[in-house]
C-alpha atoms as a PDB file:
ATOM      1  CA  UNK A   1      40.951  -9.926   2.352  1.00  0.00           C
ATOM      2  CA  UNK A   2      39.950  -9.747  -1.420  1.00  0.00           C
ATOM      3  CA  UNK A   3      37.660 -13.155  -0.719  1.00  0.00           C
ATOM      4  CA  UNK A   4      35.692 -10.781   1.988  1.00  0.00           C
ATOM      5  CA  UNK A   5      35.551  -8.192  -0.465  1.00  0.00           C
ATOM      6  CA  UNK A   6      34.181 -10.653  -2.838  1.00  0.00           C
ATOM      7  CA  UNK A   7      31.490 -11.901  -0.885  1.00  0.00           C
ATOM      8  CA  UNK A   8      30.480  -8.496   0.421  1.00  0.00           C
ATOM      9  CA  UNK A   9      29.980  -7.616  -2.945  1.00  0.00           C
ATOM     10  CA  UNK A  10      27.961 -10.616  -4.304  1.00  0.00           C
ATOM     11  CA  UNK A  11      25.681 -10.325  -0.940  1.00  0.00           C
ATOM     12  CA  UNK A  12      25.104  -6.994  -2.021  1.00  0.00           C
ATOM     13  CA  UNK A  13      24.455  -7.779  -5.327  1.00  0.00           C
ATOM     14  CA  UNK A  14      22.123 -10.532  -4.098  1.00  0.00           C
ATOM     15  CA  UNK A  15      19.868  -8.120  -1.986  1.00  0.00           C
ATOM     16  CA  UNK A  16      19.733  -5.490  -4.981  1.00  0.00           C
ATOM     17  CA  UNK A  17      18.379  -8.290  -7.082  1.00  0.00           C
ATOM     18  CA  UNK A  18      15.856  -9.707  -4.387  1.00  0.00           C
ATOM     19  CA  UNK A  19      14.363  -5.724  -4.505  1.00  0.00           C
ATOM     20  CA  UNK A  20      14.509  -5.689  -7.814  1.00  0.00           C
ATOM     21  CA  UNK A  21      12.499  -8.550  -7.903  1.00  0.00           C
ATOM     22  CA  UNK A  22      10.309  -8.022  -4.866  1.00  0.00           C
ATOM     23  CA  UNK A  23       9.283  -4.338  -6.715  1.00  0.00           C
ATOM     24  CA  UNK A  24       8.373  -6.396  -9.940  1.00  0.00           C
ATOM     25  CA  UNK A  25       6.504  -8.745  -8.855  1.00  0.00           C
ATOM     26  CA  UNK A  26       2.604  -9.138  -9.756  1.00  0.00           C
ATOM     27  CA  UNK A  27       1.871 -10.247  -6.157  1.00  0.00           C
ATOM     28  CA  UNK A  28       3.470  -6.925  -4.627  1.00  0.00           C
ATOM     29  CA  UNK A  29       1.247  -4.496  -7.560  1.00  0.00           C
ATOM     30  CA  UNK A  30      -2.041  -6.650  -7.043  1.00  0.00           C
ATOM     31  CA  UNK A  31      -1.654  -5.863  -3.290  1.00  0.00           C
ATOM     32  CA  UNK A  32      -0.573  -2.487  -3.934  1.00  0.00           C
ATOM     33  CA  UNK A  33      -3.951  -2.559  -6.149  1.00  0.00           C
ATOM     34  CA  UNK A  34      -6.126  -3.648  -3.161  1.00  0.00           C
ATOM     35  CA  UNK A  35      -4.756  -1.214  -1.082  1.00  0.00           C
ATOM     36  CA  UNK A  36      -5.641   1.970  -3.294  1.00  0.00           C
ATOM     37  CA  UNK A  37      -8.972   0.536  -4.169  1.00  0.00           C
ATOM     38  CA  UNK A  38      -9.656   0.183  -0.138  1.00  0.00           C
ATOM     39  CA  UNK A  39      -8.533   3.382   0.413  1.00  0.00           C
ATOM     40  CA  UNK A  40     -10.913   4.957  -2.211  1.00  0.00           C
ATOM     41  CA  UNK A  41     -13.430   2.857  -1.323  1.00  0.00           C
ATOM     42  CA  UNK A  42     -13.206   3.939   2.645  1.00  0.00           C
ATOM     43  CA  UNK A  43     -13.104   7.468   1.285  1.00  0.00           C
ATOM     44  CA  UNK A  44     -16.410   7.355  -0.001  1.00  0.00           C
ATOM     45  CA  UNK A  45     -17.345   5.864   2.463  1.00  0.00           C
ATOM     46  CA  UNK A  46     -17.092   8.547   5.204  1.00  0.00           C
ATOM     47  CA  UNK A  47     -18.555  10.723   2.625  1.00  0.00           C
ATOM     48  CA  UNK A  48     -21.591   9.030   2.506  1.00  0.00           C
ATOM     49  CA  UNK A  49     -21.479   8.156   6.590  1.00  0.00           C
ATOM     50  CA  UNK A  50     -21.173  12.304   6.588  1.00  0.00           C
ATOM     51  CA  UNK A  51     -24.518  12.639   4.786  1.00  0.00           C
ATOM     52  CA  UNK A  52     -26.430   9.948   6.716  1.00  0.00           C
ATOM     53  CA  UNK A  53     -25.292  12.075   9.915  1.00  0.00           C
ATOM     54  CA  UNK A  54     -26.748  15.605   8.222  1.00  0.00           C
ATOM     55  CA  UNK A  55     -29.807  13.656   7.511  1.00  0.00           C
ATOM     56  CA  UNK A  56     -30.209  12.735  10.869  1.00  0.00           C
ATOM     57  CA  UNK A  57     -28.975  15.925  12.179  1.00  0.00           C
ATOM     58  CA  UNK A  58     -31.820  17.632   9.993  1.00  0.00           C
ATOM     59  CA  UNK A  59     -34.507  15.544  11.159  1.00  0.00           C
ATOM     60  CA  UNK A  60     -34.014  16.302  14.981  1.00  0.00           C
ATOM     61  CA  UNK A  61     -34.246  20.103  14.299  1.00  0.00           C
ATOM     62  CA  UNK A  62     -37.361  19.575  13.178  1.00  0.00           C
END
């Protein structure tokens, strides 16, 4: 019984350690930064698209 408890505690601590290691990894931070930059780019692209659409609507009215 005590071996089972020790094994469970070690498994939980190992999982926590892996989670912390992943959270602090530079690859994850770089991926998050790329995702953040891409989201900003997409937001600007939609604004540009709206401006282009407005221009075409104005041209059609003339």
